[in-house]
Amino acid sequence: MKLGAFNILFLDRSFADCVAAIKQVGCDAIEIGAGGYTPKTHCNPAELLADRGKLREFRRVIDEQGLEVSAISCHGNPLHPNQDVSRQHAEDIRLCAQLAAELGVVNLVGFAGCPGDSETATYPNWVTCPWPDDFSTVVNWQWEAKVIPFWTEMAETLRETGTRYCLEMHPGDTVYTPEKLLRLREAVGPEVGCNFDPSHLFWQQIDPAAAVRILGVAIYHVHMKDSKVDDFNVSRVSVLDTKPYTDEINRGWIFRTVGYGHDESVWRDIVSNLRLVGYDGVLSIEHEDSLMAADEGLQKAIAFLREVMIEKPRGKTWFEMEH
């Protein structure tokens, strides 16, 4: 396994300075945001694809530091009922796929999207319970009329560009649990897999280690981010809390740097299960801990993860040779 970091940690710096900082702290890879809700500060696919000189310079900055690009990220809502939003975010995915192909990158990271409740809706509608029956009707319509058709069509673009879309299970999105992800993967094919981010599972009371086993070979990319449920606040507001992420003291849960939400044994179990299902890729650090600066969060995450990472055995082990 290798350590990587998401460039959005350092959007206040030039791309060259961002890449250098990620290399300097000991990472082997970088994940680059390039569309959807993710700022295009360092990477605008349309501009890079239109100008070969800019594309070569972009590649040079990365190669100069000896980093691997683990993924191009375009976290958006291509199913948004506002067509101005959905069209742009769908186009961002297509452009990111083309850019990834030019760079020799396989993984795209993002969301499945969340539609509205009808063709006349203006905002997304995330349904969290089956009754009254209206809610079940909405969920069925979303999947049959929007989610599956869109991703079936988008899979063609992924196949043509030799890329795959790594869905991040995120509440507020139609794909927020392993069950939902596997449902879409079964309908669309292996072009759709998982960007495994434990932080969104912890607060849903999903055991990330168990989720790894459930998803297995569908895991294409991994985020390293923690979250912490505040038991005192949950008794008052539950985990379905809509307060701003910056209102930390009153929220039911918050994002944390790895190790600040769950202890080392939990993360050892997650990493061990990733190895069990055959994952030997990049562990990409995504910093969203509002109690900690980006530099501090990245450094602490790297130090913590180096203690729990597992290297793939080289050659046969003594046990294998004896048996």
Protein backbone atom coordinates (compact mmCIF):
# COMPACT_ATOMS: atom_id res chain seq x y z
CA MET A 1 0.00 0.00 0.00
CA LYS A 2 1.05 3.59 -0.59
CA LEU A 3 0.18 6.85 1.11
CA GLY A 4 -1.32 9.70 -0.88
CA ALA A 5 -3.06 13.00 -0.26
CA PHE A 6 -5.90 14.94 -1.85
CA ASN A 7 -4.72 18.23 -3.38
CA ILE A 8 -7.66 20.16 -1.86
CA LEU A 9 -5.62 20.29 1.36
CA PHE A 10 -3.46 22.96 -0.25
CA LEU A 11 -5.62 24.95 -2.64
CA ASP A 12 -4.16 28.14 -1.15
CA ARG A 13 -0.84 27.27 -2.83
CA SER A 14 0.24 26.97 -6.43
CA PHE A 15 -0.07 23.52 -7.96
CA ALA A 16 3.72 23.12 -7.96
CA ASP A 17 3.94 24.08 -4.28
CA CYS A 18 1.03 21.77 -3.43
CA VAL A 19 2.67 18.80 -5.16
CA ALA A 20 6.02 19.57 -3.53
CA ALA A 21 4.41 19.77 -0.07
CA ILE A 22 2.68 16.41 -0.52
CA LYS A 23 5.97 14.83 -1.62
CA GLN A 24 7.92 16.47 1.19
CA VAL A 25 5.80 14.90 3.94
CA GLY A 26 6.44 11.44 2.54
CA CYS A 27 3.48 10.67 0.28
CA ASP A 28 3.84 8.58 -2.86
CA ALA A 29 0.66 9.71 -4.62
CA ILE A 30 -1.68 12.60 -5.18
CA GLU A 31 -5.43 12.71 -5.79
CA ILE A 32 -6.50 15.71 -7.87
CA GLY A 33 -9.86 17.48 -7.73
CA ALA A 34 -11.13 18.58 -11.12
CA GLY A 35 -14.88 19.04 -11.28
CA GLY A 36 -18.32 18.97 -9.76
CA TYR A 37 -18.32 20.66 -6.37
CA THR A 38 -14.56 20.08 -6.16
CA PRO A 39 -12.66 23.27 -7.07
CA LYS A 40 -10.73 23.25 -10.34
CA THR A 41 -8.08 25.51 -8.81
CA HIS A 42 -5.18 23.25 -9.74
CA CYS A 43 -6.75 21.26 -12.54
CA ASN A 44 -9.25 22.40 -15.16
CA PRO A 45 -9.74 19.45 -17.53
CA ALA A 46 -11.26 21.52 -20.35
CA GLU A 47 -8.25 23.86 -20.39
CA LEU A 48 -5.67 21.07 -20.17
CA LEU A 49 -7.32 19.02 -22.93
CA ALA A 50 -7.48 22.07 -25.19
CA ASP A 51 -3.82 23.03 -24.74
CA ARG A 52 -1.16 20.31 -25.09
CA GLY A 53 1.48 22.63 -23.68
CA LYS A 54 -0.45 23.17 -20.48
CA LEU A 55 -1.10 19.44 -20.22
CA ARG A 56 2.62 18.66 -20.59
CA GLU A 57 3.50 21.22 -17.92
CA PHE A 58 0.84 19.81 -15.58
CA ARG A 59 2.29 16.32 -16.05
CA ARG A 60 5.84 17.63 -15.60
CA VAL A 61 5.05 19.15 -12.19
CA ILE A 62 3.79 15.78 -10.97
CA ASP A 63 6.57 13.72 -12.54
CA GLU A 64 9.26 16.05 -11.20
CA GLN A 65 8.24 15.06 -7.67
CA GLY A 66 7.93 11.37 -8.57
CA LEU A 67 4.30 11.15 -7.52
CA GLU A 68 1.63 8.78 -8.81
CA VAL A 69 -1.83 10.18 -9.57
CA SER A 70 -4.15 7.87 -7.64
CA ALA A 71 -7.38 9.44 -8.92
CA ILE A 72 -9.04 12.39 -10.61
CA SER A 73 -11.91 13.53 -8.41
CA CYS A 74 -15.12 15.15 -9.60
CA HIS A 75 -17.49 15.07 -6.63
CA GLY A 76 -20.73 16.48 -7.99
CA ASN A 77 -24.40 15.71 -8.53
CA PRO A 78 -24.93 14.64 -12.15
CA LEU A 79 -28.55 13.76 -11.24
CA HIS A 80 -29.46 17.16 -9.80
CA PRO A 81 -33.00 18.17 -10.85
CA ASN A 82 -31.66 21.60 -11.80
CA GLN A 83 -30.46 20.77 -15.31
CA ASP A 84 -27.88 23.56 -15.31
CA VAL A 85 -26.17 21.76 -12.44
CA SER A 86 -26.65 18.18 -13.64
CA ARG A 87 -25.50 18.92 -17.19
CA GLN A 88 -22.33 20.64 -15.97
CA HIS A 89 -21.50 17.91 -13.45
CA ALA A 90 -22.10 15.15 -16.00
CA GLU A 91 -19.87 16.98 -18.47
CA ASP A 92 -17.23 17.32 -15.75
CA ILE A 93 -17.21 13.53 -15.35
CA ARG A 94 -16.74 13.05 -19.10
CA LEU A 95 -13.93 15.61 -19.22
CA CYS A 96 -12.26 14.09 -16.18
CA ALA A 97 -12.44 10.67 -17.87
CA GLN A 98 -10.75 12.08 -20.98
CA LEU A 99 -8.08 13.80 -18.90
CA ALA A 100 -7.49 10.64 -16.86
CA ALA A 101 -6.98 8.70 -20.10
CA GLU A 102 -4.40 11.26 -21.27
CA LEU A 103 -2.55 10.98 -17.95
CA GLY A 104 -2.73 7.20 -17.74
CA VAL A 105 -4.97 7.36 -14.68
CA VAL A 106 -7.68 4.74 -14.17
CA ASN A 107 -9.68 6.00 -11.18
CA LEU A 108 -12.29 8.74 -11.12
CA VAL A 109 -13.74 9.52 -7.69
CA GLY A 110 -17.14 11.06 -6.98
CA PHE A 111 -20.78 10.61 -6.08
CA ALA A 112 -23.59 8.76 -7.81
CA GLY A 113 -25.82 11.81 -7.44
CA CYS A 114 -29.23 12.45 -5.94
CA PRO A 115 -32.30 13.32 -8.07
CA GLY A 116 -35.38 15.20 -6.98
CA ASP A 117 -38.71 13.50 -6.30
CA SER A 118 -40.20 14.07 -9.77
CA GLU A 119 -39.51 15.58 -13.18
CA THR A 120 -40.68 18.96 -11.88
CA ALA A 121 -38.47 19.01 -8.76
CA THR A 122 -35.98 21.83 -8.24
CA TYR A 123 -33.87 20.36 -5.40
CA PRO A 124 -32.47 16.88 -4.63
CA ASN A 125 -34.56 14.69 -2.34
CA TRP A 126 -32.68 12.26 -0.09
CA VAL A 127 -35.18 9.80 1.40
CA THR A 128 -34.24 8.12 4.71
CA CYS A 129 -37.35 6.07 5.60
CA PRO A 130 -39.93 3.97 3.69
CA TRP A 131 -43.19 5.25 5.18
CA PRO A 132 -45.52 6.97 4.47
CA ASP A 133 -45.56 5.12 1.16
CA ASP A 134 -44.83 8.33 -0.75
CA PHE A 135 -41.20 7.96 0.31
CA SER A 136 -40.87 4.45 -1.10
CA THR A 137 -42.48 5.61 -4.33
CA VAL A 138 -39.91 8.40 -4.63
CA VAL A 139 -36.93 6.09 -4.02
CA ASN A 140 -38.15 3.56 -6.60
CA TRP A 141 -38.69 6.33 -9.17
CA GLN A 142 -35.24 7.81 -8.51
CA TRP A 143 -33.46 4.52 -9.13
CA GLU A 144 -35.51 3.35 -12.09
CA ALA A 145 -35.92 6.66 -13.90
CA LYS A 146 -32.68 8.44 -13.05
CA VAL A 147 -29.88 6.59 -11.26
CA ILE A 148 -29.60 3.38 -13.26
CA PRO A 149 -30.25 4.94 -16.71
CA PHE A 150 -27.68 7.71 -16.18
CA TRP A 151 -24.90 5.42 -14.99
CA THR A 152 -25.66 2.81 -17.64
CA GLU A 153 -25.05 5.49 -20.25
CA MET A 154 -22.01 6.96 -18.45
CA ALA A 155 -20.45 3.49 -18.31
CA GLU A 156 -19.98 3.76 -22.09
CA THR A 157 -17.73 6.79 -21.61
CA LEU A 158 -15.81 4.98 -18.89
CA ARG A 159 -15.25 1.96 -21.14
CA GLU A 160 -14.15 4.13 -24.06
CA THR A 161 -11.59 5.99 -21.93
CA GLY A 162 -10.39 2.95 -19.99
CA THR A 163 -11.44 4.51 -16.69
CA ARG A 164 -13.66 3.46 -13.81
CA TYR A 165 -15.83 5.49 -11.46
CA CYS A 166 -15.19 5.06 -7.73
CA LEU A 167 -18.38 5.91 -5.89
CA GLU A 168 -17.99 7.48 -2.47
CA MET A 169 -20.79 6.29 -0.18
CA HIS A 170 -22.08 9.58 1.18
CA PRO A 171 -25.34 10.39 3.00
CA GLY A 172 -27.38 12.82 0.94
CA ASP A 173 -26.52 10.74 -2.12
CA THR A 174 -28.49 7.82 -3.53
CA VAL A 175 -25.46 5.57 -2.92
CA TYR A 176 -24.59 5.83 0.77
CA THR A 177 -24.25 2.20 1.92
CA PRO A 178 -22.53 -0.95 0.61
CA GLU A 179 -25.93 -2.39 -0.32
CA LYS A 180 -26.77 0.63 -2.49
CA LEU A 181 -23.35 0.62 -4.14
CA LEU A 182 -23.54 -3.05 -5.03
CA ARG A 183 -27.05 -2.56 -6.40
CA LEU A 184 -25.79 0.06 -8.85
CA ARG A 185 -22.70 -1.97 -9.71
CA GLU A 186 -24.87 -4.99 -10.50
CA ALA A 187 -27.07 -2.90 -12.79
CA VAL A 188 -24.22 -1.08 -14.57
CA GLY A 189 -21.14 -3.30 -14.46
CA PRO A 190 -17.52 -3.20 -13.21
CA GLU A 191 -17.03 0.32 -14.60
CA VAL A 192 -18.62 1.36 -11.29
CA GLY A 193 -16.83 0.56 -8.05
CA CYS A 194 -16.11 2.08 -4.66
CA ASN A 195 -14.03 4.91 -3.26
CA PHE A 196 -13.95 3.58 0.29
CA ASP A 197 -14.17 6.40 2.86
CA PRO A 198 -14.68 5.12 6.44
CA SER A 199 -15.62 8.56 7.79
CA HIS A 200 -19.09 8.43 6.22
CA LEU A 201 -19.67 4.92 7.52
CA PHE A 202 -18.68 5.43 11.15
CA TRP A 203 -21.47 7.89 11.91
CA GLN A 204 -24.05 5.75 10.12
CA GLN A 205 -23.12 2.94 12.55
CA ILE A 206 -21.68 0.84 9.71
CA ASP A 207 -18.59 -1.13 10.68
CA PRO A 208 -16.00 -0.14 8.04
CA ALA A 209 -14.07 -3.40 8.37
CA ALA A 210 -17.23 -5.39 7.71
CA ALA A 211 -18.07 -3.07 4.81
CA VAL A 212 -14.68 -3.84 3.27
CA ARG A 213 -15.49 -7.54 3.31
CA ILE A 214 -18.94 -6.92 1.81
CA LEU A 215 -17.56 -4.77 -1.02
CA GLY A 216 -14.45 -6.84 -1.69
CA VAL A 217 -13.05 -6.43 -5.20
CA ALA A 218 -15.43 -3.53 -5.85
CA ILE A 219 -13.07 -1.29 -3.82
CA TYR A 220 -10.98 0.64 -6.35
CA HIS A 221 -9.71 3.58 -4.27
CA VAL A 222 -9.55 4.45 -0.58
CA HIS A 223 -9.85 7.68 1.42
CA MET A 224 -8.30 7.94 4.86
CA LYS A 225 -10.54 10.13 6.99
CA ASP A 226 -12.10 9.67 10.41
CA SER A 227 -15.26 10.96 12.09
CA LYS A 228 -16.32 11.23 15.72
CA VAL A 229 -19.84 10.81 17.07
CA ASP A 230 -20.57 13.05 20.05
CA ASP A 231 -22.69 10.85 22.34
CA PHE A 232 -23.92 13.82 24.34
CA ASN A 233 -25.15 15.74 21.30
CA VAL A 234 -26.56 12.67 19.55
CA SER A 235 -28.96 12.20 22.47
CA ARG A 236 -30.37 15.59 21.57
CA VAL A 237 -30.03 15.91 17.78
CA SER A 238 -29.31 12.36 16.42
CA VAL A 239 -26.70 11.70 13.73
CA LEU A 240 -28.97 13.19 11.05
CA ASP A 241 -27.74 16.64 11.96
CA THR A 242 -28.00 19.57 9.55
CA LYS A 243 -25.98 22.10 11.55
CA PRO A 244 -22.94 23.56 9.76
CA TYR A 245 -19.78 21.45 10.02
CA THR A 246 -18.13 24.43 11.72
CA ASP A 247 -20.59 24.27 14.66
CA GLU A 248 -18.51 21.47 16.13
CA ILE A 249 -19.53 21.77 19.77
CA ASN A 250 -23.23 21.36 18.99
CA ARG A 251 -23.14 18.77 16.19
CA GLY A 252 -24.01 15.09 16.57
CA TRP A 253 -20.74 14.17 14.79
CA ILE A 254 -17.77 15.81 13.09
CA PHE A 255 -15.00 14.81 10.69
CA ARG A 256 -11.61 14.10 12.28
CA THR A 257 -8.08 13.28 11.24
CA VAL A 258 -7.47 9.53 11.33
CA GLY A 259 -6.86 8.41 14.90
CA TYR A 260 -8.85 11.24 16.46
CA GLY A 261 -12.22 9.55 16.03
CA HIS A 262 -11.26 5.88 16.43
CA ASP A 263 -8.22 4.23 17.91
CA GLU A 264 -5.41 2.33 16.29
CA SER A 265 -7.02 -1.10 16.65
CA VAL A 266 -10.02 0.02 14.56
CA TRP A 267 -7.78 1.31 11.77
CA ARG A 268 -5.56 -1.78 11.90
CA ASP A 269 -8.69 -3.85 11.35
CA ILE A 270 -9.76 -1.70 8.38
CA VAL A 271 -6.35 -1.90 6.71
CA SER A 272 -6.03 -5.63 7.42
CA ASN A 273 -9.38 -6.30 5.79
CA LEU A 274 -8.39 -4.21 2.79
CA ARG A 275 -5.40 -6.52 2.38
CA LEU A 276 -7.63 -9.57 2.83
CA VAL A 277 -9.82 -8.55 -0.11
CA GLY A 278 -6.76 -7.85 -2.26
CA TYR A 279 -6.51 -4.06 -2.09
CA ASP A 280 -2.91 -2.91 -2.45
CA GLY A 281 -3.43 0.59 -3.78
CA VAL A 282 -3.20 4.11 -2.42
CA LEU A 283 -4.55 5.26 0.93
CA SER A 284 -5.44 8.86 0.04
CA ILE A 285 -5.61 11.26 2.97
CA GLU A 286 -8.56 13.65 2.78
CA HIS A 287 -8.38 16.36 5.43
CA GLU A 288 -11.71 17.80 6.58
CA ASP A 289 -10.99 18.09 10.31
CA SER A 290 -12.20 21.58 11.20
CA LEU A 291 -10.34 21.46 14.53
CA MET A 292 -6.95 21.04 12.89
CA ALA A 293 -4.94 22.91 10.22
CA ALA A 294 -4.29 21.07 6.97
CA ASP A 295 -0.52 20.78 7.48
CA GLU A 296 -0.95 19.44 10.99
CA GLY A 297 -3.72 17.06 9.99
CA LEU A 298 -1.71 15.64 7.08
CA GLN A 299 1.43 15.13 9.15
CA LYS A 300 -0.45 13.44 11.99
CA ALA A 301 -2.41 11.26 9.58
CA ILE A 302 0.79 10.11 7.87
CA ALA A 303 2.50 9.29 11.18
CA PHE A 304 -0.58 7.38 12.36
CA LEU A 305 -1.11 5.46 9.12
CA ARG A 306 2.53 4.37 8.83
CA GLU A 307 1.94 2.39 12.03
CA VAL A 308 -1.11 0.55 10.67
CA MET A 309 -0.24 0.05 6.99
CA ILE A 310 0.54 -3.44 5.70
CA GLU A 311 2.99 -4.12 2.90
CA LYS A 312 2.16 -6.81 0.36
CA PRO A 313 4.44 -9.84 0.91
CA ARG A 314 7.17 -10.20 -1.72
CA GLY A 315 7.67 -13.78 -2.81
CA LYS A 316 6.45 -16.76 -0.81
CA THR A 317 6.29 -16.58 2.97
CA TRP A 318 7.88 -19.26 5.15
CA PHE A 319 4.39 -20.60 5.92
CA GLU A 320 3.54 -20.92 2.21
CA MET A 321 6.81 -22.70 1.44
CA GLU A 322 6.25 -25.17 4.30
CA HIS A 323 2.65 -25.89 3.29
